[in-house]
Amino acid sequence: MGKAYDVIVVGLGGMGSATAWQLAKRGQRVLGLERFDIPHNMGSSHGVTRIIRLPYYEDPAYVPLLRRAYELWREAEAATGERLLILTGSIDAGPEDGDLFDGALTSARLHDLPHDVLTGDEVNARFPGYRLPSATRAVFQPEGGFVASERAIVAHCRVAQEAGAELRARERVLGWEAHPGGEGVVVTTDKGRYEAARLVLTAGAWMADLAPILTGRAVPERQVLAWLQPTRPELFTPERFPVFNLAVEEGRYYGLPVYEVPGFKFGRYHHREEHCTAEEMRRDVDAEDERLLRQFSARYFPEGNGATQALRACMFTNTPDEHFILDHHPEHPQVVLASPCSGHGYKFCSVVGEILADLATGDGATRHEIGFLRLGRLS
């Protein structure tokens, strides 16, 4: 048995790295365990950038969490000297009577977010990289943008280490046991056994493997992202191209400006609806993946539809209602479960780290309103 810790965090991707920092800066003795590298390209947090947007169509209850997420991203920037959050503005667009546009507008109005309501033609005129149909309706919100996802993981891990956390990569967790009475766990890896008072599981697509209670409630899905060279690159810079969340007849798509990889980045939600286990996910990218994405960019972003720069597979981990799971294990209160995924979780990493640190310390309460994200709703 190795030395004892206050909290063990399993999985050091977006959520786990933020949690390790939040715990360590509270003076907790933290052990972080990562099966792969820090960062890595085997899960859901790679691909250089992730969108952040405020007028949340999925549920207005996310907006207060987002406001805190912005504060904590800026706090992480100040602590590390890294630029992690880049503002471009955001476009949430679709049919006027569709859930996406109506939900984004409802959130913007309910939370008094500055915003403009635009037609497709008005979006195209303001942001010439876009080519939306006239009948499209859009909410433009100036505080949207993206987080440098892999850079943020490294930043969170670095400040966690500076605050005393011990982080171990390439160490696979084989299992864990919770002591009776709600205090104490033992985690077994391929390299050792560790004891702690509390355990936080932030293992992404491997959550159901480590917490079988999530079987059928945290389901991995193969996703593919494309980066294409713009034929007019000046239209796809962060200064001139807002991130988007777009519902069209082909499906729902999301995209970001050129940043680090020399291409306009975008993807389709539930790309080909390929559900799988994390171990079985097909990681190669084929011609059909590219065709599916290119038919979208050719129609709506024709000047971004140049030569392929990169195609990469990653994973969503979906809950049945596509909302997060943030809660204590119902049978073991010393164990905290987090599956913020469902394809829209990364932007919340900073605040989810704070929430999970709350749940794993003291009386396990948090000031954040997460009732709608508790596991019990899926019973």
Protein backbone atom coordinates (compact mmCIF):
# COMPACT_ATOMS: atom_id res chain seq x y z
CA MET A 1 0.00 0.00 0.00
CA GLY A 2 1.34 3.43 -0.96
CA LYS A 3 0.97 6.55 1.12
CA ALA A 4 -2.50 7.83 1.95
CA TYR A 5 -4.09 10.82 0.23
CA ASP A 6 -7.08 13.01 0.93
CA VAL A 7 -8.48 12.61 -2.59
CA ILE A 8 -7.61 10.48 -5.60
CA VAL A 9 -8.70 11.79 -9.01
CA VAL A 10 -8.95 9.18 -11.77
CA GLY A 11 -8.62 10.67 -15.25
CA LEU A 12 -6.65 13.85 -15.91
CA GLY A 13 -8.36 15.18 -19.00
CA GLY A 14 -10.31 18.42 -19.02
CA MET A 15 -12.42 17.77 -15.93
CA GLY A 16 -9.92 15.79 -13.89
CA SER A 17 -7.05 18.24 -14.36
CA ALA A 18 -9.26 21.14 -13.23
CA THR A 19 -10.44 19.10 -10.23
CA ALA A 20 -6.87 18.28 -9.22
CA TRP A 21 -6.02 21.98 -9.20
CA GLN A 22 -9.10 23.00 -7.23
CA LEU A 23 -8.41 20.33 -4.62
CA ALA A 24 -4.69 21.00 -4.34
CA LYS A 25 -5.08 24.73 -3.87
CA ARG A 26 -7.43 23.98 -0.95
CA GLY A 27 -4.59 22.14 0.73
CA GLN A 28 -5.81 18.63 -0.05
CA ARG A 29 -3.28 15.85 -0.54
CA VAL A 30 -4.14 14.90 -4.12
CA LEU A 31 -3.15 11.95 -6.27
CA GLY A 32 -4.12 12.19 -9.93
CA LEU A 33 -4.01 9.05 -12.07
CA GLU A 34 -4.07 9.09 -15.88
CA ARG A 35 -4.09 5.96 -18.01
CA PHE A 36 -2.52 7.69 -21.02
CA ASP A 37 -0.25 10.73 -21.44
CA ILE A 38 -0.93 14.24 -20.14
CA PRO A 39 -2.45 15.44 -22.46
CA HIS A 40 -3.41 12.62 -24.85
CA ASN A 41 -5.49 12.02 -27.97
CA MET A 42 -7.38 8.92 -26.85
CA GLY A 43 -10.42 10.55 -25.26
CA SER A 44 -12.62 13.61 -25.64
CA SER A 45 -10.45 16.63 -24.84
CA HIS A 46 -7.96 16.73 -27.72
CA GLY A 47 -8.24 18.60 -30.99
CA VAL A 48 -6.68 21.92 -29.96
CA THR A 49 -9.85 23.94 -29.27
CA ARG A 50 -13.31 23.66 -27.72
CA ILE A 51 -16.20 26.09 -28.07
CA ILE A 52 -17.47 28.19 -25.17
CA ARG A 53 -20.81 30.01 -25.52
CA LEU A 54 -23.18 31.71 -23.11
CA PRO A 55 -26.77 31.66 -24.53
CA TYR A 56 -27.16 27.98 -23.76
CA TYR A 57 -30.00 26.47 -25.75
CA GLU A 58 -29.65 23.12 -23.96
CA ASP A 59 -31.05 24.59 -20.72
CA PRO A 60 -30.90 28.14 -19.27
CA ALA A 61 -29.82 26.58 -15.95
CA TYR A 62 -26.33 26.13 -17.42
CA VAL A 63 -25.78 29.88 -17.79
CA PRO A 64 -24.84 30.60 -14.13
CA LEU A 65 -22.33 27.75 -14.32
CA LEU A 66 -20.92 29.26 -17.50
CA ARG A 67 -20.49 32.66 -15.89
CA ARG A 68 -18.40 31.05 -13.17
CA ALA A 69 -16.53 28.98 -15.77
CA TYR A 70 -15.42 32.19 -17.50
CA GLU A 71 -14.14 33.58 -14.18
CA LEU A 72 -12.18 30.42 -13.46
CA TRP A 73 -10.69 30.22 -16.95
CA ARG A 74 -9.38 33.74 -16.42
CA GLU A 75 -8.10 32.72 -12.98
CA ALA A 76 -6.22 29.80 -14.55
CA GLU A 77 -4.74 32.17 -17.13
CA ALA A 78 -3.53 34.49 -14.39
CA ALA A 79 -2.03 31.59 -12.44
CA THR A 80 -0.17 30.13 -15.42
CA GLY A 81 0.53 33.02 -17.78
CA GLU A 82 -1.11 30.98 -20.57
CA ARG A 83 -3.74 32.30 -22.94
CA LEU A 84 -6.53 29.74 -22.60
CA LEU A 85 -9.79 31.58 -23.41
CA ILE A 86 -10.05 33.40 -26.75
CA LEU A 87 -13.18 35.45 -27.49
CA THR A 88 -14.60 35.49 -31.02
CA GLY A 89 -18.31 35.93 -30.42
CA SER A 90 -20.74 33.06 -30.97
CA ILE A 91 -23.51 32.26 -33.44
CA ASP A 92 -26.39 29.97 -32.41
CA ALA A 93 -28.51 29.56 -35.52
CA GLY A 94 -31.21 27.46 -37.12
CA PRO A 95 -34.87 27.59 -38.17
CA GLU A 96 -36.86 30.31 -36.42
CA ASP A 97 -39.18 27.70 -34.87
CA GLY A 98 -36.35 25.29 -34.01
CA ASP A 99 -35.12 24.30 -30.57
CA LEU A 100 -31.61 25.66 -31.09
CA PHE A 101 -32.46 29.24 -32.05
CA ASP A 102 -35.43 29.48 -29.69
CA GLY A 103 -33.51 27.98 -26.77
CA ALA A 104 -30.50 30.26 -27.27
CA LEU A 105 -32.73 33.31 -27.47
CA THR A 106 -34.61 32.24 -24.33
CA SER A 107 -31.35 31.85 -22.39
CA ALA A 108 -30.03 35.20 -23.64
CA ARG A 109 -33.19 37.02 -22.59
CA LEU A 110 -33.64 35.20 -19.28
CA HIS A 111 -30.09 35.98 -18.17
CA ASP A 112 -29.84 39.46 -19.73
CA LEU A 113 -26.98 38.49 -22.01
CA PRO A 114 -25.99 41.08 -24.60
CA HIS A 115 -27.00 39.70 -27.98
CA ASP A 116 -28.22 40.47 -31.48
CA VAL A 117 -30.91 38.57 -33.36
CA LEU A 118 -29.88 38.26 -37.00
CA THR A 119 -31.22 36.81 -40.23
CA GLY A 120 -29.02 34.52 -42.27
CA ASP A 121 -28.32 37.36 -44.69
CA GLU A 122 -27.28 39.63 -41.83
CA VAL A 123 -24.91 36.98 -40.47
CA ASN A 124 -23.36 36.58 -43.94
CA ALA A 125 -22.89 40.31 -44.35
CA ARG A 126 -21.31 40.75 -40.92
CA PHE A 127 -19.16 37.61 -41.12
CA PRO A 128 -18.41 36.86 -44.81
CA GLY A 129 -17.00 33.41 -44.10
CA TYR A 130 -20.60 32.30 -43.48
CA ARG A 131 -23.13 31.45 -46.21
CA LEU A 132 -26.35 30.79 -44.27
CA PRO A 133 -29.81 30.55 -45.87
CA SER A 134 -31.90 33.73 -45.68
CA ALA A 135 -34.57 32.01 -43.57
CA THR A 136 -32.05 31.09 -40.85
CA ARG A 137 -32.32 32.98 -37.59
CA ALA A 138 -29.30 33.49 -35.37
CA VAL A 139 -28.37 34.73 -31.91
CA PHE A 140 -25.02 36.50 -31.95
CA GLN A 141 -23.43 36.85 -28.51
CA PRO A 142 -20.13 38.75 -28.26
CA GLU A 143 -18.62 36.79 -25.33
CA GLY A 144 -18.50 33.42 -27.07
CA GLY A 145 -15.24 31.92 -28.23
CA PHE A 146 -13.06 28.92 -27.54
CA VAL A 147 -10.79 27.34 -24.95
CA ALA A 148 -7.39 25.96 -25.95
CA SER A 149 -8.26 22.51 -24.65
CA GLU A 150 -4.97 20.61 -24.49
CA ARG A 151 -3.09 23.71 -23.38
CA ALA A 152 -5.65 24.13 -20.58
CA ILE A 153 -5.15 20.56 -19.37
CA VAL A 154 -1.41 21.11 -19.14
CA ALA A 155 -1.95 24.45 -17.39
CA HIS A 156 -4.30 22.93 -14.81
CA CYS A 157 -1.91 20.06 -14.17
CA ARG A 158 1.04 22.40 -13.79
CA VAL A 159 -0.63 24.60 -11.17
CA ALA A 160 -1.98 21.51 -9.41
CA GLN A 161 1.58 20.20 -9.13
CA GLU A 162 2.81 23.56 -7.91
CA ALA A 163 0.14 23.38 -5.19
CA GLY A 164 1.39 19.94 -4.12
CA ALA A 165 -0.60 17.44 -6.21
CA GLU A 166 1.10 14.23 -7.30
CA LEU A 167 0.12 13.35 -10.87
CA ARG A 168 0.94 10.01 -12.46
CA ALA A 169 0.49 9.32 -16.18
CA ARG A 170 0.59 5.95 -17.96
CA GLU A 171 -0.88 4.25 -14.92
CA ARG A 172 -4.10 2.35 -15.55
CA VAL A 173 -6.69 2.00 -12.79
CA LEU A 174 -7.80 -1.62 -12.53
CA GLY A 175 -10.42 -1.12 -9.83
CA TRP A 176 -11.38 0.51 -6.56
CA GLU A 177 -12.99 -0.44 -3.28
CA ALA A 178 -14.96 1.80 -0.95
CA HIS A 179 -14.72 1.21 2.78
CA PRO A 180 -18.01 0.83 4.67
CA GLY A 181 -19.33 3.88 6.47
CA GLY A 182 -18.68 6.45 3.77
CA GLU A 183 -14.99 7.15 4.48
CA GLY A 184 -12.01 5.72 2.69
CA VAL A 185 -11.21 4.06 -0.63
CA VAL A 186 -8.49 1.87 -2.05
CA VAL A 187 -7.57 2.25 -5.72
CA THR A 188 -5.62 -0.48 -7.50
CA THR A 189 -3.60 0.28 -10.63
CA ASP A 190 -1.23 -1.69 -12.82
CA LYS A 191 1.60 -0.18 -10.75
CA GLY A 192 0.35 -0.08 -7.18
CA ARG A 193 -2.40 0.38 -4.60
CA TYR A 194 -3.34 3.75 -3.08
CA GLU A 195 -5.52 4.75 -0.17
CA ALA A 196 -7.52 7.97 0.18
CA ALA A 197 -10.45 9.38 2.09
CA ARG A 198 -12.33 10.31 -1.11
CA LEU A 199 -12.31 9.33 -4.78
CA VAL A 200 -13.30 11.40 -7.84
CA LEU A 201 -13.91 9.53 -11.10
CA THR A 202 -13.48 11.74 -14.18
CA ALA A 203 -12.58 9.03 -16.67
CA GLY A 204 -14.61 10.23 -19.65
CA ALA A 205 -15.60 7.41 -22.00
CA TRP A 206 -14.29 4.86 -19.48
CA MET A 207 -16.72 5.96 -16.74
CA ALA A 208 -19.08 3.01 -17.05
CA ASP A 209 -16.10 0.63 -16.86
CA LEU A 210 -15.05 2.13 -13.53
CA ALA A 211 -18.58 2.77 -12.21
CA PRO A 212 -20.94 0.09 -13.56
CA ILE A 213 -23.90 2.05 -12.18
CA LEU A 214 -23.39 4.30 -15.24
CA THR A 215 -23.82 1.47 -17.73
CA GLY A 216 -26.39 2.70 -20.25
CA ARG A 217 -26.16 6.18 -18.75
CA ALA A 218 -22.70 7.15 -20.06
CA VAL A 219 -22.40 5.73 -23.57
CA PRO A 220 -19.36 6.49 -25.77
CA GLU A 221 -19.86 7.56 -29.36
CA ARG A 222 -17.32 8.01 -32.17
CA GLN A 223 -16.94 11.58 -33.39
CA VAL A 224 -14.85 13.07 -36.24
CA LEU A 225 -13.49 16.60 -36.65
CA ALA A 226 -12.24 18.22 -39.85
CA TRP A 227 -9.78 21.06 -40.45
CA LEU A 228 -9.96 22.43 -44.01
CA GLN A 229 -7.79 25.11 -45.58
CA PRO A 230 -9.85 28.23 -46.35
CA THR A 231 -9.56 29.63 -49.86
CA ARG A 232 -9.93 33.05 -48.22
CA PRO A 233 -8.06 32.62 -44.94
CA GLU A 234 -8.62 36.22 -43.85
CA LEU A 235 -12.31 35.39 -43.31
CA PHE A 236 -11.62 32.54 -40.88
CA THR A 237 -9.43 34.21 -38.27
CA PRO A 238 -10.54 34.51 -34.62
CA GLU A 239 -11.01 38.24 -35.20
CA ARG A 240 -13.48 37.75 -38.09
CA PHE A 241 -15.07 34.35 -37.58
CA PRO A 242 -17.28 33.66 -34.53
CA VAL A 243 -17.68 30.10 -33.32
CA PHE A 244 -20.99 28.55 -34.33
CA ASN A 245 -23.64 26.07 -33.25
CA LEU A 246 -25.81 25.55 -36.33
CA ALA A 247 -28.92 23.49 -37.02
CA VAL A 248 -29.52 22.85 -40.74
CA GLU A 249 -31.39 20.20 -42.68
CA GLU A 250 -28.28 17.99 -42.73
CA GLY A 251 -28.08 17.95 -38.93
CA ARG A 252 -26.48 20.04 -36.18
CA TYR A 253 -22.92 21.24 -36.68
CA TYR A 254 -20.38 23.28 -34.77
CA GLY A 255 -17.26 25.10 -35.89
CA LEU A 256 -14.37 27.36 -34.96
CA PRO A 257 -11.88 29.67 -36.68
CA VAL A 258 -8.36 28.76 -37.73
CA TYR A 259 -6.15 28.37 -34.66
CA GLU A 260 -2.83 26.49 -34.45
CA VAL A 261 -3.86 23.82 -37.01
CA PRO A 262 -3.92 25.64 -40.41
CA GLY A 263 -7.56 24.92 -41.10
CA PHE A 264 -11.18 25.91 -40.40
CA LYS A 265 -12.39 23.40 -37.80
CA PHE A 266 -15.87 21.88 -37.63
CA GLY A 267 -17.81 18.74 -36.84
CA ARG A 268 -21.29 17.22 -36.86
CA TYR A 269 -23.00 16.34 -33.60
CA HIS A 270 -23.56 12.56 -33.42
CA HIS A 271 -21.43 12.28 -36.53
CA ARG A 272 -22.47 8.83 -37.82
CA GLU A 273 -24.22 7.69 -34.63
CA GLU A 274 -21.57 5.04 -34.00
CA HIS A 275 -21.99 3.99 -30.38
CA CYS A 276 -19.26 1.83 -28.94
CA THR A 277 -17.16 1.14 -25.89
CA ALA A 278 -14.10 3.27 -25.34
CA GLU A 279 -11.89 0.28 -26.07
CA GLU A 280 -13.66 -0.59 -29.32
CA MET A 281 -13.92 2.87 -30.87
CA ARG A 282 -12.65 3.00 -34.44
CA ARG A 283 -9.94 5.66 -34.46
CA ASP A 284 -9.12 5.73 -38.16
CA VAL A 285 -10.96 8.25 -40.37
CA ASP A 286 -12.35 7.16 -43.74
CA ALA A 287 -13.66 8.71 -46.96
CA GLU A 288 -17.27 8.64 -45.76
CA ASP A 289 -16.36 10.67 -42.68
CA GLU A 290 -14.79 13.31 -44.91
CA ARG A 291 -17.65 13.28 -47.42
CA LEU A 292 -20.22 13.81 -44.68
CA LEU A 293 -18.35 16.84 -43.37
CA ARG A 294 -17.43 18.32 -46.74
CA GLN A 295 -20.99 18.37 -48.02
CA PHE A 296 -21.80 20.66 -45.12
CA SER A 297 -18.86 23.02 -45.52
CA ALA A 298 -19.34 23.23 -49.31
CA ARG A 299 -22.89 24.50 -48.81
CA TYR A 300 -22.61 26.77 -45.76
CA PHE A 301 -18.91 27.74 -45.63
CA PRO A 302 -17.73 27.40 -49.25
CA GLU A 303 -14.67 29.59 -48.77
CA GLY A 304 -13.60 27.33 -45.91
CA ASN A 305 -13.89 24.18 -48.03
CA GLY A 306 -10.34 23.91 -49.32
CA ALA A 307 -7.70 21.22 -48.97
CA THR A 308 -7.86 18.90 -45.97
CA GLN A 309 -5.42 19.80 -43.21
CA ALA A 310 -6.45 17.24 -40.59
CA LEU A 311 -9.16 14.70 -39.79
CA ARG A 312 -9.29 13.35 -36.24
CA ALA A 313 -11.54 11.02 -34.30
CA CYS A 314 -12.52 11.58 -30.69
CA MET A 315 -15.38 10.52 -28.41
CA PHE A 316 -18.58 11.89 -27.03
CA THR A 317 -19.93 10.19 -23.90
CA ASN A 318 -23.68 10.65 -23.94
CA THR A 319 -26.26 10.45 -21.18
CA PRO A 320 -29.84 9.61 -22.14
CA ASP A 321 -30.96 13.25 -21.82
CA GLU A 322 -27.58 14.71 -22.91
CA HIS A 323 -27.12 16.57 -19.63
CA PHE A 324 -24.12 15.99 -17.37
CA ILE A 325 -23.82 13.68 -14.38
CA LEU A 326 -22.26 15.40 -11.35
CA ASP A 327 -23.03 13.59 -8.12
CA HIS A 328 -21.94 11.29 -5.33
CA HIS A 329 -22.11 7.58 -5.98
CA PRO A 330 -25.51 6.52 -4.54
CA GLU A 331 -23.95 3.56 -2.69
CA HIS A 332 -20.63 5.13 -1.69
CA PRO A 333 -20.85 8.79 -0.64
CA GLN A 334 -17.05 9.11 -0.54
CA VAL A 335 -16.98 8.55 -4.33
CA VAL A 336 -17.84 11.39 -6.73
CA LEU A 337 -18.95 10.69 -10.30
CA ALA A 338 -18.51 13.12 -13.17
CA SER A 339 -19.50 12.56 -16.78
CA PRO A 340 -19.98 16.10 -18.11
CA CYS A 341 -19.66 14.97 -21.68
CA SER A 342 -22.57 14.52 -24.14
CA GLY A 343 -20.59 16.55 -26.63
CA HIS A 344 -20.88 19.88 -24.86
CA GLY A 345 -18.94 19.53 -21.64
CA TYR A 346 -15.45 20.90 -22.16
CA LYS A 347 -16.31 24.59 -21.79
CA PHE A 348 -17.43 23.82 -18.22
CA CYS A 349 -14.15 22.17 -17.14
CA SER A 350 -13.05 25.02 -14.93
CA VAL A 351 -16.30 25.22 -12.96
CA VAL A 352 -16.84 21.46 -12.92
CA GLY A 353 -13.44 21.20 -11.25
CA GLU A 354 -14.68 23.54 -8.54
CA ILE A 355 -17.94 21.61 -8.14
CA LEU A 356 -16.20 18.25 -7.88
CA ALA A 357 -13.77 19.65 -5.33
CA ASP A 358 -16.78 20.80 -3.32
CA LEU A 359 -18.41 17.38 -3.52
CA ALA A 360 -15.17 15.62 -2.49
CA THR A 361 -14.40 17.75 0.57
CA GLY A 362 -16.09 18.87 3.77
CA ASP A 363 -19.76 18.00 3.93
CA GLY A 364 -19.92 17.39 0.18
CA ALA A 365 -22.16 20.36 -0.55
CA THR A 366 -21.66 22.91 -3.33
CA ARG A 367 -22.96 26.44 -3.74
CA HIS A 368 -23.60 25.75 -7.41
CA GLU A 369 -27.08 24.74 -8.49
CA ILE A 370 -26.60 21.27 -9.96
CA GLY A 371 -29.90 19.64 -9.11
CA PHE A 372 -30.67 19.16 -12.78
CA LEU A 373 -27.35 17.31 -13.21
CA ARG A 374 -27.76 14.82 -10.37
CA LEU A 375 -27.73 11.11 -11.15
CA GLY A 376 -31.11 10.45 -9.58
CA ARG A 377 -32.95 12.06 -12.51
CA LEU A 378 -31.94 9.05 -14.64
CA SER A 379 -33.26 6.42 -12.24
